[in-house]
N, C-alpha and C. Protein backbone atom coordinates (compact mmCIF):
# COMPACT_ATOMS: atom_id res chain seq x y z
N MET A 1 37.68 -35.32 50.36
CA MET A 1 37.97 -36.71 50.66
C MET A 1 37.56 -37.00 52.10
N ILE A 2 36.87 -38.10 52.28
CA ILE A 2 36.41 -38.50 53.61
C ILE A 2 37.51 -39.30 54.31
N THR A 3 37.79 -38.95 55.55
CA THR A 3 38.84 -39.62 56.31
C THR A 3 38.29 -40.88 57.00
N GLU A 4 39.19 -41.70 57.47
CA GLU A 4 38.77 -42.89 58.21
C GLU A 4 38.02 -42.48 59.48
N ALA A 5 38.44 -41.41 60.12
CA ALA A 5 37.76 -40.94 61.33
C ALA A 5 36.33 -40.52 60.99
N GLN A 6 36.15 -39.81 59.89
CA GLN A 6 34.80 -39.41 59.48
C GLN A 6 33.94 -40.63 59.16
N LYS A 7 34.54 -41.62 58.53
CA LYS A 7 33.79 -42.86 58.24
C LYS A 7 33.31 -43.51 59.53
N LEU A 8 34.19 -43.56 60.54
CA LEU A 8 33.81 -44.15 61.82
C LEU A 8 32.69 -43.35 62.45
N LEU A 9 32.85 -42.04 62.51
CA LEU A 9 31.84 -41.18 63.14
C LEU A 9 30.49 -41.25 62.44
N ARG A 10 30.49 -41.52 61.15
CA ARG A 10 29.25 -41.61 60.37
C ARG A 10 28.70 -43.03 60.29
N GLY A 11 29.38 -43.97 60.94
CA GLY A 11 28.91 -45.35 60.93
C GLY A 11 29.18 -46.09 59.63
N LYS A 12 30.10 -45.58 58.83
CA LYS A 12 30.43 -46.21 57.55
C LYS A 12 31.43 -47.35 57.70
N ILE A 13 32.21 -47.33 58.77
CA ILE A 13 33.11 -48.42 59.09
C ILE A 13 32.96 -48.76 60.57
N THR A 14 33.35 -49.95 60.94
CA THR A 14 33.26 -50.39 62.33
C THR A 14 34.48 -49.90 63.11
N PRO A 15 34.37 -49.90 64.44
CA PRO A 15 35.55 -49.58 65.23
C PRO A 15 36.72 -50.52 64.92
N GLU A 16 36.42 -51.77 64.64
CA GLU A 16 37.46 -52.74 64.31
C GLU A 16 38.18 -52.36 63.02
N GLU A 17 37.44 -51.89 62.04
CA GLU A 17 38.06 -51.44 60.79
C GLU A 17 38.90 -50.18 61.03
N TYR A 18 38.40 -49.29 61.85
CA TYR A 18 39.12 -48.05 62.14
C TYR A 18 40.44 -48.33 62.85
N THR A 19 40.44 -49.22 63.81
CA THR A 19 41.68 -49.49 64.54
C THR A 19 42.72 -50.14 63.65
N GLY A 20 42.29 -50.89 62.65
CA GLY A 20 43.23 -51.47 61.70
C GLY A 20 44.00 -50.41 60.94
N TYR A 21 43.36 -49.27 60.76
CA TYR A 21 44.00 -48.13 60.10
C TYR A 21 45.19 -47.62 60.92
N TRP A 22 45.11 -47.74 62.23
CA TRP A 22 46.14 -47.25 63.13
C TRP A 22 47.17 -48.30 63.48
N GLY A 23 46.91 -49.54 63.18
CA GLY A 23 47.66 -50.61 63.80
C GLY A 23 49.02 -50.96 63.26
N CYS A 24 49.83 -51.38 64.14
CA CYS A 24 51.00 -52.23 64.00
C CYS A 24 52.28 -51.63 63.42
N GLY A 25 52.26 -50.52 62.77
CA GLY A 25 53.51 -49.98 62.26
C GLY A 25 54.38 -49.40 63.35
N PRO A 26 55.69 -49.45 63.18
CA PRO A 26 56.58 -48.90 64.21
C PRO A 26 56.41 -47.40 64.39
N ALA A 27 55.83 -46.73 63.41
CA ALA A 27 55.57 -45.29 63.55
C ALA A 27 54.63 -45.00 64.72
N TYR A 28 53.80 -45.98 65.08
CA TYR A 28 52.85 -45.77 66.16
C TYR A 28 53.43 -46.11 67.53
N ASP A 29 54.69 -46.48 67.56
CA ASP A 29 55.34 -46.78 68.83
C ASP A 29 56.30 -45.66 69.25
N ARG A 30 56.16 -44.50 68.65
CA ARG A 30 56.96 -43.32 69.05
C ARG A 30 56.19 -42.55 70.12
N ALA A 31 56.94 -41.79 70.92
CA ALA A 31 56.33 -40.98 71.98
C ALA A 31 55.25 -40.08 71.39
N PRO A 32 54.14 -39.90 72.06
CA PRO A 32 53.84 -40.32 73.43
C PRO A 32 53.43 -41.78 73.56
N ASN A 33 53.36 -42.51 72.46
CA ASN A 33 53.02 -43.93 72.53
C ASN A 33 54.20 -44.72 73.08
N ILE A 34 53.89 -45.92 73.53
CA ILE A 34 54.95 -46.81 73.99
C ILE A 34 54.99 -48.04 73.10
N HIS A 35 56.09 -48.77 73.18
CA HIS A 35 56.26 -49.97 72.37
C HIS A 35 55.07 -50.90 72.56
N GLY A 36 54.47 -51.31 71.46
CA GLY A 36 53.34 -52.22 71.50
C GLY A 36 51.98 -51.56 71.30
N ASP A 37 51.92 -50.25 71.38
CA ASP A 37 50.63 -49.58 71.19
C ASP A 37 50.05 -49.86 69.81
N GLY A 38 50.87 -49.82 68.78
CA GLY A 38 50.38 -50.09 67.43
C GLY A 38 49.78 -51.48 67.30
N CYS A 39 50.40 -52.44 67.95
CA CYS A 39 49.87 -53.81 67.92
C CYS A 39 48.53 -53.90 68.63
N LYS A 40 48.36 -53.12 69.68
CA LYS A 40 47.07 -53.13 70.38
C LYS A 40 45.96 -52.67 69.44
N PHE A 41 46.24 -51.63 68.66
CA PHE A 41 45.23 -51.17 67.70
C PHE A 41 44.91 -52.28 66.69
N TYR A 42 45.94 -52.93 66.22
CA TYR A 42 45.77 -54.00 65.24
C TYR A 42 44.97 -55.17 65.84
N ASN A 43 45.24 -55.49 67.10
CA ASN A 43 44.61 -56.64 67.75
C ASN A 43 43.19 -56.36 68.24
N PHE A 44 42.77 -55.12 68.19
CA PHE A 44 41.43 -54.76 68.67
C PHE A 44 40.34 -55.58 67.97
N ALA A 45 40.51 -55.86 66.71
CA ALA A 45 39.48 -56.61 65.96
C ALA A 45 39.22 -57.98 66.58
N VAL A 46 40.23 -58.57 67.17
CA VAL A 46 40.09 -59.90 67.77
C VAL A 46 39.78 -59.81 69.26
N GLU A 47 40.41 -58.88 69.96
CA GLU A 47 40.33 -58.84 71.41
C GLU A 47 39.50 -57.69 71.96
N GLY A 48 38.80 -56.98 71.11
CA GLY A 48 38.12 -55.75 71.49
C GLY A 48 36.98 -55.86 72.46
N ASN A 49 36.60 -57.07 72.84
CA ASN A 49 35.56 -57.24 73.85
C ASN A 49 36.09 -57.86 75.13
N ASP A 50 37.37 -58.12 75.19
CA ASP A 50 38.01 -58.71 76.36
C ASP A 50 38.35 -57.59 77.36
N PRO A 51 37.78 -57.65 78.56
CA PRO A 51 38.02 -56.58 79.54
C PRO A 51 39.50 -56.37 79.85
N GLU A 52 40.28 -57.43 79.94
CA GLU A 52 41.71 -57.28 80.24
C GLU A 52 42.43 -56.55 79.11
N PHE A 53 42.08 -56.88 77.88
CA PHE A 53 42.66 -56.18 76.74
C PHE A 53 42.27 -54.71 76.75
N LEU A 54 40.99 -54.44 76.98
CA LEU A 54 40.51 -53.06 76.97
C LEU A 54 41.20 -52.21 78.04
N LYS A 55 41.51 -52.80 79.19
CA LYS A 55 42.21 -52.07 80.26
C LYS A 55 43.60 -51.62 79.80
N GLU A 56 44.21 -52.37 78.91
CA GLU A 56 45.51 -51.99 78.36
C GLU A 56 45.37 -51.10 77.12
N PHE A 57 44.30 -51.31 76.38
CA PHE A 57 44.11 -50.59 75.13
C PHE A 57 43.68 -49.14 75.35
N ILE A 58 42.83 -48.90 76.34
CA ILE A 58 42.35 -47.54 76.60
C ILE A 58 43.50 -46.56 76.81
N PRO A 59 44.52 -46.89 77.64
CA PRO A 59 45.65 -45.96 77.76
C PRO A 59 46.42 -45.78 76.44
N ALA A 60 46.45 -46.81 75.60
CA ALA A 60 47.12 -46.68 74.30
C ALA A 60 46.37 -45.68 73.41
N ILE A 61 45.05 -45.70 73.48
CA ILE A 61 44.26 -44.73 72.72
C ILE A 61 44.54 -43.32 73.25
N GLU A 62 44.55 -43.18 74.57
CA GLU A 62 44.81 -41.87 75.18
C GLU A 62 46.17 -41.32 74.77
N ARG A 63 47.17 -42.19 74.74
CA ARG A 63 48.50 -41.75 74.32
C ARG A 63 48.50 -41.34 72.85
N THR A 64 47.78 -42.08 72.04
CA THR A 64 47.72 -41.78 70.61
C THR A 64 47.03 -40.43 70.38
N ILE A 65 46.00 -40.16 71.14
CA ILE A 65 45.31 -38.86 71.04
C ILE A 65 46.29 -37.73 71.35
N GLN A 66 47.12 -37.91 72.36
CA GLN A 66 48.09 -36.88 72.75
C GLN A 66 49.03 -36.52 71.61
N GLY A 67 49.33 -37.48 70.75
CA GLY A 67 50.29 -37.25 69.67
C GLY A 67 49.68 -36.74 68.38
N GLN A 68 48.36 -36.53 68.37
CA GLN A 68 47.69 -36.13 67.13
C GLN A 68 47.56 -34.62 66.99
N THR A 69 47.74 -34.14 65.78
CA THR A 69 47.53 -32.73 65.48
C THR A 69 46.32 -32.51 64.58
N ASP A 70 45.82 -33.58 63.96
CA ASP A 70 44.67 -33.49 63.06
C ASP A 70 43.38 -33.58 63.89
N PRO A 71 42.58 -32.51 63.90
CA PRO A 71 41.36 -32.51 64.72
C PRO A 71 40.38 -33.62 64.35
N GLU A 72 40.32 -34.00 63.07
CA GLU A 72 39.43 -35.08 62.66
C GLU A 72 39.86 -36.41 63.28
N GLU A 73 41.15 -36.65 63.28
CA GLU A 73 41.64 -37.90 63.87
C GLU A 73 41.42 -37.90 65.37
N VAL A 74 41.58 -36.76 66.01
CA VAL A 74 41.31 -36.67 67.45
C VAL A 74 39.85 -37.03 67.72
N LYS A 75 38.93 -36.52 66.91
CA LYS A 75 37.51 -36.85 67.07
C LYS A 75 37.28 -38.35 66.94
N GLY A 76 37.88 -38.96 65.93
CA GLY A 76 37.71 -40.39 65.71
C GLY A 76 38.27 -41.20 66.87
N LEU A 77 39.45 -40.82 67.33
CA LEU A 77 40.08 -41.55 68.44
C LEU A 77 39.30 -41.36 69.74
N LYS A 78 38.76 -40.18 69.95
CA LYS A 78 37.94 -39.96 71.16
C LYS A 78 36.65 -40.78 71.10
N PHE A 79 36.08 -40.90 69.92
CA PHE A 79 34.88 -41.73 69.75
C PHE A 79 35.23 -43.19 70.03
N LEU A 80 36.37 -43.64 69.52
CA LEU A 80 36.84 -45.00 69.79
C LEU A 80 37.04 -45.19 71.29
N LEU A 81 37.58 -44.21 71.96
CA LEU A 81 37.79 -44.27 73.40
C LEU A 81 36.46 -44.44 74.13
N GLU A 82 35.44 -43.70 73.71
CA GLU A 82 34.11 -43.84 74.30
C GLU A 82 33.56 -45.24 74.11
N ILE A 83 33.75 -45.79 72.91
CA ILE A 83 33.28 -47.14 72.62
C ILE A 83 33.96 -48.15 73.54
N CYS A 84 35.25 -48.02 73.69
CA CYS A 84 36.00 -48.96 74.52
C CYS A 84 35.62 -48.85 75.99
N ARG A 85 35.42 -47.64 76.47
CA ARG A 85 35.01 -47.46 77.86
C ARG A 85 33.62 -48.06 78.09
N ALA A 86 32.74 -47.91 77.11
CA ALA A 86 31.40 -48.49 77.22
C ALA A 86 31.47 -50.02 77.23
N ARG A 87 32.33 -50.59 76.43
CA ARG A 87 32.50 -52.06 76.40
C ARG A 87 33.07 -52.57 77.71
N LEU A 88 33.90 -51.78 78.33
CA LEU A 88 34.53 -52.19 79.58
C LEU A 88 33.53 -52.16 80.73
N ASN A 89 32.59 -51.24 80.67
CA ASN A 89 31.58 -51.13 81.74
C ASN A 89 30.44 -51.97 81.42
């Protein structure tokens, strides 16, 4: 079975589609994440090119990476992090 992270890495889904997979549930607001991180993932589809949003979203991605144990998901989140940093610069 192909994971959402693999789909992102292979170009089968957009970063916006991938972040929707992570978004908005209260499960994503547990440590190391902070309250609102899940909503940031959900809102990426609309605000993903706004520099102010990206400045807040990048740390949310970093926190989410810290809480992952699945290497595939870590790869997908790190790729998303690269995309966001590139958009910010």
